Amino acid sequence: MSPAVRARLERLLDAARAIQNPGTPLGKEARARLAITSGLSPAGIELALAECLETHPTEAELARLAAHVSSAPRAHVLLSANVFTAAHRAIALALAASEQVFVRPSRREPEMARLLARGAPGLFTVVAQLEPAPGDACFAYGSDATLSELRAALAPGVRLYAHGSGYGLVVTEAAAVADPSARAALADAIALDVTLFDQRGCLSPRGVLLEGDAALAEALVPALAHAFVELETRVPVGAIAPEERAEQRRQRAALAVAGTVCPAGSGFVARVSDAGVLETLPSGRCFGGACVDDAAEIARALAPAITTCAVAGAPELRARVAEALPTARLTVPGRL
């Protein structure tokens, strides 16, 4: 990483730190503006800023970020709306690639990019339209349909770094949840991951695969529901559209026919017999749990949609899951 790239990243980090700090003018403005555009409750915004805005990376982490990209004459960023803190990393990648960066925010949530731009004047330009030329880099975030349209529209020679749809997954094993206190700790960690951004991000977990013990899988469902309810008392759910509420009710009723469904504050936790159902669960803090014989093999079948996987268990389980999900980011529960 060159000194120029390091300096650009530090300026962006300074802006992010000012946004994260509720006592700075930029931090106060961020909270007021994000309350309008993010769809999250004030406590949800605060949690997202505290947990998801990376403001103190190590030098090794910055070096790895810079190594992900190649230099370009110009870099362009197309942002999505669901996870406002994602703008920070997206812009950081672009700044690692070029000193000329152009950012098009989502129309639904344009504020985070604008706040970062105000915190680091002249570092990048917020634009209404991106115009990448051959040789430029383009970092795009959105639905698979949006990215398909973008690919078709880009000029030949533009390097596209695309980040599309997907969801997170948790994998654990009987030995990791046999003790009630360990089960409660895992449930608390999963509740945090689900609560962040009201489960709307492409890293947000939709379900857990528990390898090997049906009775423990059944016991994990109420433990999760309890953790969801407890955290919601401190971090209320944000705005949920009527059609989203209707989908939650429909899914909950359908799942109740086939298995255990526990109310969990604004959402629910369900025991499912088919892990494929996890992909269809709605956002808004709705979660599923499945007991499986081989979690790695089930994860392999789900792999095309899995962006990240949190593993709670022995190193052998983590190794099998890593082999099954070669393109997914691996982490631990509570860090999705």
C-alpha atoms as a PDB file:
ATOM      1  CA  MET A   1       0.000   0.000   0.000  1.00  0.00           C
ATOM      2  CA  SER A   2       1.490   3.317  -1.085  1.00  0.00           C
ATOM      3  CA  PRO A   3       1.725   6.333   1.247  1.00  0.00           C
ATOM      4  CA  ALA A   4      -0.799   8.152  -0.964  1.00  0.00           C
ATOM      5  CA  VAL A   5      -3.368   5.367  -0.603  1.00  0.00           C
ATOM      6  CA  ARG A   6      -2.753   5.205   3.152  1.00  0.00           C
ATOM      7  CA  ALA A   7      -3.305   8.962   3.437  1.00  0.00           C
ATOM      8  CA  ARG A   8      -6.584   8.779   1.505  1.00  0.00           C
ATOM      9  CA  LEU A   9      -7.850   5.972   3.716  1.00  0.00           C
ATOM     10  CA  GLU A  10      -6.906   7.870   6.869  1.00  0.00           C
ATOM     11  CA  ARG A  11      -8.918  10.896   5.765  1.00  0.00           C
ATOM     12  CA  LEU A  12     -11.938   8.666   5.208  1.00  0.00           C
ATOM     13  CA  LEU A  13     -11.424   7.049   8.611  1.00  0.00           C
ATOM     14  CA  ASP A  14     -11.293  10.477  10.249  1.00  0.00           C
ATOM     15  CA  ALA A  15     -14.667  11.307   8.689  1.00  0.00           C
ATOM     16  CA  ALA A  16     -16.134   7.991   9.852  1.00  0.00           C
ATOM     17  CA  ARG A  17     -14.883   8.568  13.395  1.00  0.00           C
ATOM     18  CA  ALA A  18     -16.558  11.971  13.462  1.00  0.00           C
ATOM     19  CA  ILE A  19     -19.822  10.387  12.298  1.00  0.00           C
ATOM     20  CA  GLN A  20     -19.560   7.621  14.890  1.00  0.00           C
ATOM     21  CA  ASN A  21     -19.016  10.091  17.738  1.00  0.00           C
ATOM     22  CA  PRO A  22     -22.402  11.407  18.959  1.00  0.00           C
ATOM     23  CA  GLY A  23     -20.738  14.496  20.409  1.00  0.00           C
ATOM     24  CA  THR A  24     -19.349  15.942  17.154  1.00  0.00           C
ATOM     25  CA  PRO A  25     -21.369  18.224  14.874  1.00  0.00           C
ATOM     26  CA  LEU A  26     -21.114  15.625  12.097  1.00  0.00           C
ATOM     27  CA  GLY A  27     -22.155  12.864  14.488  1.00  0.00           C
ATOM     28  CA  LYS A  28     -25.232  14.802  15.575  1.00  0.00           C
ATOM     29  CA  GLU A  29     -26.142  15.570  11.974  1.00  0.00           C
ATOM     30  CA  ALA A  30     -25.688  11.916  11.027  1.00  0.00           C
ATOM     31  CA  ARG A  31     -28.119  10.712  13.647  1.00  0.00           C
ATOM     32  CA  ALA A  32     -30.733  13.265  12.632  1.00  0.00           C
ATOM     33  CA  ARG A  33     -30.456  12.515   8.915  1.00  0.00           C
ATOM     34  CA  LEU A  34     -30.214   8.737   9.220  1.00  0.00           C
ATOM     35  CA  ALA A  35     -33.345   8.718  11.370  1.00  0.00           C
ATOM     36  CA  ILE A  36     -35.193   9.920   8.266  1.00  0.00           C
ATOM     37  CA  THR A  37     -33.588   7.758   5.586  1.00  0.00           C
ATOM     38  CA  SER A  38     -32.382   4.516   7.183  1.00  0.00           C
ATOM     39  CA  GLY A  39     -35.713   3.109   8.355  1.00  0.00           C
ATOM     40  CA  LEU A  40     -34.083   2.128  11.661  1.00  0.00           C
ATOM     41  CA  SER A  41     -35.052   3.163  15.160  1.00  0.00           C
ATOM     42  CA  PRO A  42     -32.695   5.645  16.894  1.00  0.00           C
ATOM     43  CA  ALA A  43     -31.297   2.777  18.964  1.00  0.00           C
ATOM     44  CA  GLY A  44     -30.885   0.744  15.778  1.00  0.00           C
ATOM     45  CA  ILE A  45     -28.876   3.561  14.205  1.00  0.00           C
ATOM     46  CA  GLU A  46     -26.688   3.829  17.301  1.00  0.00           C
ATOM     47  CA  LEU A  47     -26.083   0.074  17.326  1.00  0.00           C
ATOM     48  CA  ALA A  48     -25.146   0.082  13.641  1.00  0.00           C
ATOM     49  CA  LEU A  49     -22.697   2.960  14.079  1.00  0.00           C
ATOM     50  CA  ALA A  50     -21.091   1.275  17.085  1.00  0.00           C
ATOM     51  CA  GLU A  51     -20.894  -2.270  15.702  1.00  0.00           C
ATOM     52  CA  CYS A  52     -20.573  -1.919  11.919  1.00  0.00           C
ATOM     53  CA  LEU A  53     -18.667   1.279  11.147  1.00  0.00           C
ATOM     54  CA  GLU A  54     -15.014   0.214  10.972  1.00  0.00           C
ATOM     55  CA  THR A  55     -13.139   3.177  12.407  1.00  0.00           C
ATOM     56  CA  HIS A  56      -9.996   1.632  13.912  1.00  0.00           C
ATOM     57  CA  PRO A  57      -8.685  -1.031  11.527  1.00  0.00           C
ATOM     58  CA  THR A  58      -5.202  -2.400  11.994  1.00  0.00           C
ATOM     59  CA  GLU A  59      -2.481  -1.719   9.459  1.00  0.00           C
ATOM     60  CA  ALA A  60      -2.719  -5.358   8.369  1.00  0.00           C
ATOM     61  CA  GLU A  61      -6.459  -4.984   7.756  1.00  0.00           C
ATOM     62  CA  LEU A  62      -5.903  -1.853   5.676  1.00  0.00           C
ATOM     63  CA  ALA A  63      -3.205  -3.625   3.683  1.00  0.00           C
ATOM     64  CA  ARG A  64      -5.577  -6.525   2.967  1.00  0.00           C
ATOM     65  CA  LEU A  65      -8.280  -4.108   1.839  1.00  0.00           C
ATOM     66  CA  ALA A  66      -5.891  -2.362  -0.548  1.00  0.00           C
ATOM     67  CA  ALA A  67      -4.676  -5.713  -1.886  1.00  0.00           C
ATOM     68  CA  HIS A  68      -8.220  -6.592  -2.989  1.00  0.00           C
ATOM     69  CA  VAL A  69      -8.145  -3.986  -5.775  1.00  0.00           C
ATOM     70  CA  SER A  70      -5.933  -2.900  -8.644  1.00  0.00           C
ATOM     71  CA  SER A  71      -5.083   0.715  -9.370  1.00  0.00           C
ATOM     72  CA  ALA A  72      -7.239   2.559 -11.887  1.00  0.00           C
ATOM     73  CA  PRO A  73      -7.357   6.042 -13.434  1.00  0.00           C
ATOM     74  CA  ARG A  74     -10.761   6.598 -11.818  1.00  0.00           C
ATOM     75  CA  ALA A  75     -13.031   4.601  -9.519  1.00  0.00           C
ATOM     76  CA  HIS A  76     -16.821   4.688  -9.344  1.00  0.00           C
ATOM     77  CA  VAL A  77     -19.118   3.461  -6.556  1.00  0.00           C
ATOM     78  CA  LEU A  78     -22.798   2.510  -6.870  1.00  0.00           C
ATOM     79  CA  LEU A  79     -24.313   2.136  -3.397  1.00  0.00           C
ATOM     80  CA  SER A  80     -27.402   0.309  -2.159  1.00  0.00           C
ATOM     81  CA  ALA A  81     -29.726   1.475   0.613  1.00  0.00           C
ATOM     82  CA  ASN A  82     -30.145  -1.373   3.093  1.00  0.00           C
ATOM     83  CA  VAL A  83     -26.925  -1.031   5.125  1.00  0.00           C
ATOM     84  CA  PHE A  84     -25.827   2.578   5.373  1.00  0.00           C
ATOM     85  CA  THR A  85     -22.456   1.800   6.988  1.00  0.00           C
ATOM     86  CA  ALA A  86     -21.481  -0.255   3.915  1.00  0.00           C
ATOM     87  CA  ALA A  87     -20.818   3.035   2.120  1.00  0.00           C
ATOM     88  CA  HIS A  88     -17.685   3.465   4.220  1.00  0.00           C
ATOM     89  CA  ARG A  89     -15.983   0.240   3.104  1.00  0.00           C
ATOM     90  CA  ALA A  90     -17.170   0.635  -0.489  1.00  0.00           C
ATOM     91  CA  ILE A  91     -15.646   4.096  -0.739  1.00  0.00           C
ATOM     92  CA  ALA A  92     -12.478   2.869   0.992  1.00  0.00           C
ATOM     93  CA  LEU A  93     -12.013   0.204  -1.687  1.00  0.00           C
ATOM     94  CA  ALA A  94     -12.452   2.821  -4.396  1.00  0.00           C
ATOM     95  CA  LEU A  95      -9.933   5.141  -2.721  1.00  0.00           C
ATOM     96  CA  ALA A  96      -7.466   2.256  -2.572  1.00  0.00           C
ATOM     97  CA  ALA A  97      -7.818   1.925  -6.342  1.00  0.00           C
ATOM     98  CA  SER A  98      -7.726   5.576  -7.396  1.00  0.00           C
ATOM     99  CA  GLU A  99      -7.317   9.158  -6.246  1.00  0.00           C
ATOM    100  CA  GLN A 100     -10.337  10.124  -8.381  1.00  0.00           C
ATOM    101  CA  VAL A 101     -13.487   8.596  -6.898  1.00  0.00           C
ATOM    102  CA  PHE A 102     -17.114   9.222  -7.854  1.00  0.00           C
ATOM    103  CA  VAL A 103     -19.959   7.946  -5.678  1.00  0.00           C
ATOM    104  CA  ARG A 104     -23.607   7.542  -6.597  1.00  0.00           C
ATOM    105  CA  PRO A 105     -25.667   6.960  -3.436  1.00  0.00           C
ATOM    106  CA  SER A 106     -28.969   5.162  -3.321  1.00  0.00           C
ATOM    107  CA  ARG A 107     -31.933   7.474  -3.747  1.00  0.00           C
ATOM    108  CA  ARG A 108     -33.521   5.854  -0.687  1.00  0.00           C
ATOM    109  CA  GLU A 109     -30.500   6.384   1.559  1.00  0.00           C
ATOM    110  CA  PRO A 110     -28.136   9.043   0.205  1.00  0.00           C
ATOM    111  CA  GLU A 111     -27.032  10.500   3.531  1.00  0.00           C
ATOM    112  CA  MET A 112     -24.090   8.338   4.608  1.00  0.00           C
ATOM    113  CA  ALA A 113     -22.105   9.072   1.451  1.00  0.00           C
ATOM    114  CA  ARG A 114     -22.876  12.772   1.785  1.00  0.00           C
ATOM    115  CA  LEU A 115     -21.840  12.774   5.439  1.00  0.00           C
ATOM    116  CA  LEU A 116     -18.521  11.102   4.634  1.00  0.00           C
ATOM    117  CA  ALA A 117     -17.963  13.620   1.846  1.00  0.00           C
ATOM    118  CA  ARG A 118     -18.583  16.504   4.253  1.00  0.00           C
ATOM    119  CA  GLY A 119     -16.211  14.949   6.758  1.00  0.00           C
ATOM    120  CA  ALA A 120     -13.449  14.658   4.134  1.00  0.00           C
ATOM    121  CA  PRO A 121     -13.905  17.561   1.684  1.00  0.00           C
ATOM    122  CA  GLY A 122     -12.480  16.907  -1.770  1.00  0.00           C
ATOM    123  CA  LEU A 123     -11.625  13.265  -1.080  1.00  0.00           C
ATOM    124  CA  PHE A 124     -14.352  11.979  -3.426  1.00  0.00           C
ATOM    125  CA  THR A 125     -17.270  13.380  -5.394  1.00  0.00           C
ATOM    126  CA  VAL A 126     -20.934  12.530  -4.868  1.00  0.00           C
ATOM    127  CA  VAL A 127     -22.683  12.392  -8.253  1.00  0.00           C
ATOM    128  CA  ALA A 128     -26.154  11.714  -9.627  1.00  0.00           C
ATOM    129  CA  GLN A 129     -24.855   9.593 -12.504  1.00  0.00           C
ATOM    130  CA  LEU A 130     -21.788   7.410 -12.924  1.00  0.00           C
ATOM    131  CA  GLU A 131     -19.844   7.540 -16.194  1.00  0.00           C
ATOM    132  CA  PRO A 132     -17.067   4.937 -15.994  1.00  0.00           C
ATOM    133  CA  ALA A 133     -14.711   4.768 -18.955  1.00  0.00           C
ATOM    134  CA  PRO A 134     -12.569   1.865 -20.198  1.00  0.00           C
ATOM    135  CA  GLY A 135      -9.817   1.190 -17.667  1.00  0.00           C
ATOM    136  CA  ASP A 136     -11.822   2.575 -14.752  1.00  0.00           C
ATOM    137  CA  ALA A 137     -12.923   0.503 -11.760  1.00  0.00           C
ATOM    138  CA  CYS A 138     -16.575   0.263 -10.733  1.00  0.00           C
ATOM    139  CA  PHE A 139     -17.641  -0.975  -7.287  1.00  0.00           C
ATOM    140  CA  ALA A 140     -21.347  -1.822  -7.367  1.00  0.00           C
ATOM    141  CA  TYR A 141     -23.702  -2.955  -4.625  1.00  0.00           C
ATOM    142  CA  GLY A 142     -27.319  -3.984  -5.133  1.00  0.00           C
ATOM    143  CA  SER A 143     -29.717  -6.684  -6.180  1.00  0.00           C
ATOM    144  CA  ASP A 144     -28.684  -9.277  -8.732  1.00  0.00           C
ATOM    145  CA  ALA A 145     -31.123  -7.698 -11.198  1.00  0.00           C
ATOM    146  CA  THR A 146     -29.539  -4.264 -10.740  1.00  0.00           C
ATOM    147  CA  LEU A 147     -26.061  -5.677 -11.252  1.00  0.00           C
ATOM    148  CA  SER A 148     -27.128  -7.535 -14.399  1.00  0.00           C
ATOM    149  CA  GLU A 149     -28.438  -4.287 -15.859  1.00  0.00           C
ATOM    150  CA  LEU A 150     -25.212  -2.539 -14.909  1.00  0.00           C
ATOM    151  CA  ARG A 151     -23.045  -5.196 -16.563  1.00  0.00           C
ATOM    152  CA  ALA A 152     -24.999  -4.807 -19.777  1.00  0.00           C
ATOM    153  CA  ALA A 153     -24.621  -1.028 -19.711  1.00  0.00           C
ATOM    154  CA  LEU A 154     -20.924  -0.730 -18.844  1.00  0.00           C
ATOM    155  CA  ALA A 155     -18.444   0.129 -21.556  1.00  0.00           C
ATOM    156  CA  PRO A 156     -15.971  -2.623 -22.501  1.00  0.00           C
ATOM    157  CA  GLY A 157     -12.837  -2.430 -20.387  1.00  0.00           C
ATOM    158  CA  VAL A 158     -14.469  -1.226 -17.168  1.00  0.00           C
ATOM    159  CA  ARG A 159     -13.419  -3.443 -14.250  1.00  0.00           C
ATOM    160  CA  LEU A 160     -16.524  -4.317 -12.252  1.00  0.00           C
ATOM    161  CA  TYR A 161     -16.379  -5.357  -8.601  1.00  0.00           C
ATOM    162  CA  ALA A 162     -19.953  -6.528  -8.007  1.00  0.00           C
ATOM    163  CA  HIS A 163     -21.596  -7.328  -4.677  1.00  0.00           C
ATOM    164  CA  GLY A 164     -25.095  -8.732  -5.096  1.00  0.00           C
ATOM    165  CA  SER A 165     -27.834 -10.458  -3.164  1.00  0.00           C
ATOM    166  CA  GLY A 166     -27.329 -13.084  -0.490  1.00  0.00           C
ATOM    167  CA  TYR A 167     -27.646 -13.783   3.205  1.00  0.00           C
ATOM    168  CA  GLY A 168     -25.719 -14.983   6.223  1.00  0.00           C
ATOM    169  CA  LEU A 169     -25.800 -18.380   7.900  1.00  0.00           C
ATOM    170  CA  VAL A 170     -24.860 -19.716  11.332  1.00  0.00           C
ATOM    171  CA  VAL A 171     -23.504 -23.253  11.778  1.00  0.00           C
ATOM    172  CA  THR A 172     -23.075 -24.987  15.120  1.00  0.00           C
ATOM    173  CA  GLU A 173     -22.950 -28.469  16.636  1.00  0.00           C
ATOM    174  CA  ALA A 174     -24.480 -30.279  19.594  1.00  0.00           C
ATOM    175  CA  ALA A 175     -21.381 -30.004  21.787  1.00  0.00           C
ATOM    176  CA  ALA A 176     -21.393 -26.212  21.434  1.00  0.00           C
ATOM    177  CA  VAL A 177     -24.960 -25.780  22.730  1.00  0.00           C
ATOM    178  CA  ALA A 178     -25.448 -28.718  25.115  1.00  0.00           C
ATOM    179  CA  ASP A 179     -24.792 -26.527  28.150  1.00  0.00           C
ATOM    180  CA  PRO A 180     -27.703 -24.102  28.775  1.00  0.00           C
ATOM    181  CA  SER A 181     -25.353 -21.175  29.427  1.00  0.00           C
ATOM    182  CA  ALA A 182     -23.491 -21.829  26.163  1.00  0.00           C
ATOM    183  CA  ARG A 183     -26.818 -22.077  24.356  1.00  0.00           C
ATOM    184  CA  ALA A 184     -27.916 -18.735  25.811  1.00  0.00           C
ATOM    185  CA  ALA A 185     -24.606 -17.100  24.863  1.00  0.00           C
ATOM    186  CA  LEU A 186     -24.932 -18.315  21.275  1.00  0.00           C
ATOM    187  CA  ALA A 187     -28.524 -17.068  21.156  1.00  0.00           C
ATOM    188  CA  ASP A 188     -27.416 -13.630  22.385  1.00  0.00           C
ATOM    189  CA  ALA A 189     -24.714 -13.436  19.711  1.00  0.00           C
ATOM    190  CA  ILE A 190     -27.135 -14.446  16.953  1.00  0.00           C
ATOM    191  CA  ALA A 191     -29.686 -11.923  18.235  1.00  0.00           C
ATOM    192  CA  LEU A 192     -27.127  -9.147  17.785  1.00  0.00           C
ATOM    193  CA  ASP A 193     -26.396 -10.195  14.201  1.00  0.00           C
ATOM    194  CA  VAL A 194     -30.109 -10.391  13.371  1.00  0.00           C
ATOM    195  CA  THR A 195     -30.972  -7.081  15.056  1.00  0.00           C
ATOM    196  CA  LEU A 196     -28.373  -5.056  13.153  1.00  0.00           C
ATOM    197  CA  PHE A 197     -30.141  -3.236  10.301  1.00  0.00           C
ATOM    198  CA  ASP A 198     -33.288  -5.226  11.166  1.00  0.00           C
ATOM    199  CA  GLN A 199     -31.820  -8.153   9.211  1.00  0.00           C
ATOM    200  CA  ARG A 200     -31.908  -6.314   5.855  1.00  0.00           C
ATOM    201  CA  GLY A 201     -28.257  -6.657   4.881  1.00  0.00           C
ATOM    202  CA  CYS A 202     -26.708  -9.229   2.579  1.00  0.00           C
ATOM    203  CA  LEU A 203     -24.633 -10.446   5.553  1.00  0.00           C
ATOM    204  CA  SER A 204     -27.624 -10.705   7.901  1.00  0.00           C
ATOM    205  CA  PRO A 205     -28.221 -14.290   9.071  1.00  0.00           C
ATOM    206  CA  ARG A 206     -31.490 -15.989   8.168  1.00  0.00           C
ATOM    207  CA  GLY A 207     -30.944 -19.239  10.037  1.00  0.00           C
ATOM    208  CA  VAL A 208     -28.785 -21.685  11.954  1.00  0.00           C
ATOM    209  CA  LEU A 209     -27.825 -25.258  11.098  1.00  0.00           C
ATOM    210  CA  LEU A 210     -27.336 -27.400  14.204  1.00  0.00           C
ATOM    211  CA  GLU A 211     -25.484 -30.585  13.468  1.00  0.00           C
ATOM    212  CA  GLY A 212     -26.511 -33.766  15.172  1.00  0.00           C
ATOM    213  CA  ASP A 213     -29.130 -33.416  17.928  1.00  0.00           C
ATOM    214  CA  ALA A 214     -32.827 -32.794  17.296  1.00  0.00           C
ATOM    215  CA  ALA A 215     -33.620 -32.210  20.978  1.00  0.00           C
ATOM    216  CA  LEU A 216     -30.984 -29.485  21.236  1.00  0.00           C
ATOM    217  CA  ALA A 217     -32.235 -27.893  18.024  1.00  0.00           C
ATOM    218  CA  GLU A 218     -35.696 -27.793  19.569  1.00  0.00           C
ATOM    219  CA  ALA A 219     -34.260 -26.214  22.738  1.00  0.00           C
ATOM    220  CA  LEU A 220     -32.343 -23.602  20.756  1.00  0.00           C
ATOM    221  CA  VAL A 221     -35.529 -22.128  19.247  1.00  0.00           C
ATOM    222  CA  PRO A 222     -36.979 -20.708  22.507  1.00  0.00           C
ATOM    223  CA  ALA A 223     -33.501 -19.605  23.599  1.00  0.00           C
ATOM    224  CA  LEU A 224     -33.207 -17.578  20.408  1.00  0.00           C
ATOM    225  CA  ALA A 225     -36.713 -16.155  20.812  1.00  0.00           C
ATOM    226  CA  HIS A 226     -35.884 -15.042  24.362  1.00  0.00           C
ATOM    227  CA  ALA A 227     -32.672 -13.360  23.183  1.00  0.00           C
ATOM    228  CA  PHE A 228     -34.485 -11.590  20.341  1.00  0.00           C
ATOM    229  CA  VAL A 229     -37.149 -10.243  22.709  1.00  0.00           C
ATOM    230  CA  GLU A 230     -34.593  -9.099  25.276  1.00  0.00           C
ATOM    231  CA  LEU A 231     -32.521  -7.210  22.721  1.00  0.00           C
ATOM    232  CA  GLU A 232     -35.605  -5.650  21.136  1.00  0.00           C
ATOM    233  CA  THR A 233     -36.452  -4.004  24.456  1.00  0.00           C
ATOM    234  CA  ARG A 234     -33.213  -2.038  24.053  1.00  0.00           C
ATOM    235  CA  VAL A 235     -33.125  -1.798  20.261  1.00  0.00           C
ATOM    236  CA  PRO A 236     -36.668  -1.487  18.902  1.00  0.00           C
ATOM    237  CA  VAL A 237     -37.364  -2.564  15.350  1.00  0.00           C
ATOM    238  CA  GLY A 238     -37.562   0.243  12.799  1.00  0.00           C
ATOM    239  CA  ALA A 239     -40.102   0.898  10.068  1.00  0.00           C
ATOM    240  CA  ILE A 240     -41.627  -2.206   8.501  1.00  0.00           C
ATOM    241  CA  ALA A 241     -43.896  -1.758   5.483  1.00  0.00           C
ATOM    242  CA  PRO A 242     -47.408  -3.253   5.545  1.00  0.00           C
ATOM    243  CA  GLU A 243     -46.508  -5.726   2.803  1.00  0.00           C
ATOM    244  CA  GLU A 244     -43.502  -6.891   4.832  1.00  0.00           C
ATOM    245  CA  ARG A 245     -45.716  -7.416   7.872  1.00  0.00           C
ATOM    246  CA  ALA A 246     -48.153  -9.381   5.735  1.00  0.00           C
ATOM    247  CA  GLU A 247     -45.344 -11.611   4.450  1.00  0.00           C
ATOM    248  CA  GLN A 248     -44.139 -12.228   8.002  1.00  0.00           C
ATOM    249  CA  ARG A 249     -47.633 -13.314   9.051  1.00  0.00           C
ATOM    250  CA  ARG A 250     -47.978 -15.574   6.013  1.00  0.00           C
ATOM    251  CA  GLN A 251     -44.620 -17.258   6.573  1.00  0.00           C
ATOM    252  CA  ARG A 252     -45.208 -17.648  10.286  1.00  0.00           C
ATOM    253  CA  ALA A 253     -48.570 -19.346   9.711  1.00  0.00           C
ATOM    254  CA  ALA A 254     -47.106 -21.690   7.097  1.00  0.00           C
ATOM    255  CA  LEU A 255     -44.167 -22.666   9.306  1.00  0.00           C
ATOM    256  CA  ALA A 256     -46.430 -23.272  12.301  1.00  0.00           C
ATOM    257  CA  VAL A 257     -48.167 -26.053  10.376  1.00  0.00           C
ATOM    258  CA  ALA A 258     -44.926 -27.982   9.979  1.00  0.00           C
ATOM    259  CA  GLY A 259     -43.093 -27.303  13.229  1.00  0.00           C
ATOM    260  CA  THR A 260     -42.317 -25.092  16.194  1.00  0.00           C
ATOM    261  CA  VAL A 261     -42.667 -21.321  15.832  1.00  0.00           C
ATOM    262  CA  CYS A 262     -41.905 -19.013  18.759  1.00  0.00           C
ATOM    263  CA  PRO A 263     -42.958 -15.354  18.755  1.00  0.00           C
ATOM    264  CA  ALA A 264     -39.866 -13.184  19.134  1.00  0.00           C
ATOM    265  CA  GLY A 265     -40.901  -9.580  19.591  1.00  0.00           C
ATOM    266  CA  SER A 266     -41.556  -8.082  16.172  1.00  0.00           C
ATOM    267  CA  GLY A 267     -40.399 -11.258  14.445  1.00  0.00           C
ATOM    268  CA  PHE A 268     -40.303 -14.985  15.098  1.00  0.00           C
ATOM    269  CA  VAL A 269     -37.999 -17.987  15.394  1.00  0.00           C
ATOM    270  CA  ALA A 270     -39.038 -21.225  13.672  1.00  0.00           C
ATOM    271  CA  ARG A 271     -37.765 -24.785  13.699  1.00  0.00           C
ATOM    272  CA  VAL A 272     -37.662 -25.849  10.044  1.00  0.00           C
ATOM    273  CA  SER A 273     -37.258 -29.311   8.580  1.00  0.00           C
ATOM    274  CA  ASP A 274     -35.911 -28.093   5.224  1.00  0.00           C
ATOM    275  CA  ALA A 275     -32.882 -25.796   5.371  1.00  0.00           C
ATOM    276  CA  GLY A 276     -33.790 -24.490   1.925  1.00  0.00           C
ATOM    277  CA  VAL A 277     -36.633 -22.585   3.593  1.00  0.00           C
ATOM    278  CA  LEU A 278     -34.102 -20.269   5.259  1.00  0.00           C
ATOM    279  CA  GLU A 279     -33.511 -18.382   2.016  1.00  0.00           C
ATOM    280  CA  THR A 280     -37.220 -17.541   1.760  1.00  0.00           C
ATOM    281  CA  LEU A 281     -37.642 -16.130   5.275  1.00  0.00           C
ATOM    282  CA  PRO A 282     -38.541 -12.438   5.366  1.00  0.00           C
ATOM    283  CA  SER A 283     -36.355  -9.770   6.951  1.00  0.00           C
ATOM    284  CA  GLY A 284     -37.453  -7.890  10.058  1.00  0.00           C
ATOM    285  CA  ARG A 285     -35.892 -10.251  12.639  1.00  0.00           C
ATOM    286  CA  CYS A 286     -37.335 -13.546  11.410  1.00  0.00           C
ATOM    287  CA  PHE A 287     -35.087 -16.578  11.849  1.00  0.00           C
ATOM    288  CA  GLY A 288     -35.050 -20.326  11.299  1.00  0.00           C
ATOM    289  CA  GLY A 289     -33.254 -23.268  12.835  1.00  0.00           C
ATOM    290  CA  ALA A 290     -32.690 -26.689  11.272  1.00  0.00           C
ATOM    291  CA  CYS A 291     -31.246 -29.884  12.714  1.00  0.00           C
ATOM    292  CA  VAL A 292     -29.027 -31.600  10.126  1.00  0.00           C
ATOM    293  CA  ASP A 293     -26.778 -34.645   9.951  1.00  0.00           C
ATOM    294  CA  ASP A 294     -23.976 -32.883   8.059  1.00  0.00           C
ATOM    295  CA  ALA A 295     -23.963 -29.090   8.311  1.00  0.00           C
ATOM    296  CA  ALA A 296     -21.148 -28.692   5.800  1.00  0.00           C
ATOM    297  CA  GLU A 297     -23.021 -30.596   3.106  1.00  0.00           C
ATOM    298  CA  ILE A 298     -26.185 -28.558   3.672  1.00  0.00           C
ATOM    299  CA  ALA A 299     -24.108 -25.370   3.591  1.00  0.00           C
ATOM    300  CA  ARG A 300     -22.597 -26.532   0.303  1.00  0.00           C
ATOM    301  CA  ALA A 301     -26.084 -26.873  -1.180  1.00  0.00           C
ATOM    302  CA  LEU A 302     -26.927 -23.341  -0.021  1.00  0.00           C
ATOM    303  CA  ALA A 303     -23.543 -21.923  -1.091  1.00  0.00           C
ATOM    304  CA  PRO A 304     -24.637 -19.819  -4.105  1.00  0.00           C
ATOM    305  CA  ALA A 305     -26.669 -17.559  -1.800  1.00  0.00           C
ATOM    306  CA  ILE A 306     -24.389 -17.521   1.265  1.00  0.00           C
ATOM    307  CA  THR A 307     -22.254 -14.399   1.659  1.00  0.00           C
ATOM    308  CA  THR A 308     -20.947 -15.052   5.151  1.00  0.00           C
ATOM    309  CA  CYS A 309     -21.074 -17.866   7.696  1.00  0.00           C
ATOM    310  CA  ALA A 310     -20.592 -17.755  11.458  1.00  0.00           C
ATOM    311  CA  VAL A 311     -19.339 -21.019  12.944  1.00  0.00           C
ATOM    312  CA  ALA A 312     -19.683 -21.962  16.618  1.00  0.00           C
ATOM    313  CA  GLY A 313     -17.971 -25.266  17.265  1.00  0.00           C
ATOM    314  CA  ALA A 314     -14.773 -27.252  17.063  1.00  0.00           C
ATOM    315  CA  PRO A 315     -11.987 -26.424  14.565  1.00  0.00           C
ATOM    316  CA  GLU A 316     -12.932 -29.549  12.607  1.00  0.00           C
ATOM    317  CA  LEU A 317     -16.433 -28.165  11.999  1.00  0.00           C
ATOM    318  CA  ARG A 318     -15.026 -24.813  10.905  1.00  0.00           C
ATOM    319  CA  ALA A 319     -12.645 -26.553   8.482  1.00  0.00           C
ATOM    320  CA  ARG A 320     -15.472 -28.545   6.895  1.00  0.00           C
ATOM    321  CA  VAL A 321     -17.635 -25.444   6.534  1.00  0.00           C
ATOM    322  CA  ALA A 322     -14.744 -23.460   5.042  1.00  0.00           C
ATOM    323  CA  GLU A 323     -14.242 -26.167   2.428  1.00  0.00           C
ATOM    324  CA  ALA A 324     -17.971 -26.184   1.634  1.00  0.00           C
ATOM    325  CA  LEU A 325     -18.208 -22.384   1.352  1.00  0.00           C
ATOM    326  CA  PRO A 326     -14.981 -21.325  -0.403  1.00  0.00           C
ATOM    327  CA  THR A 327     -16.237 -17.871  -1.420  1.00  0.00           C
ATOM    328  CA  ALA A 328     -18.058 -16.951   1.794  1.00  0.00           C
ATOM    329  CA  ARG A 329     -16.533 -14.926   4.593  1.00  0.00           C
ATOM    330  CA  LEU A 330     -16.126 -17.041   7.750  1.00  0.00           C
ATOM    331  CA  THR A 331     -16.521 -15.514  11.194  1.00  0.00           C
ATOM    332  CA  VAL A 332     -18.066 -16.240  14.595  1.00  0.00           C
ATOM    333  CA  PRO A 333     -21.589 -15.470  15.864  1.00  0.00           C
ATOM    334  CA  GLY A 334     -21.933 -11.872  16.978  1.00  0.00           C
ATOM    335  CA  ARG A 335     -19.512 -10.693  14.259  1.00  0.00           C
ATOM    336  CA  LEU A 336     -21.538 -11.213  11.082  1.00  0.00           C
END
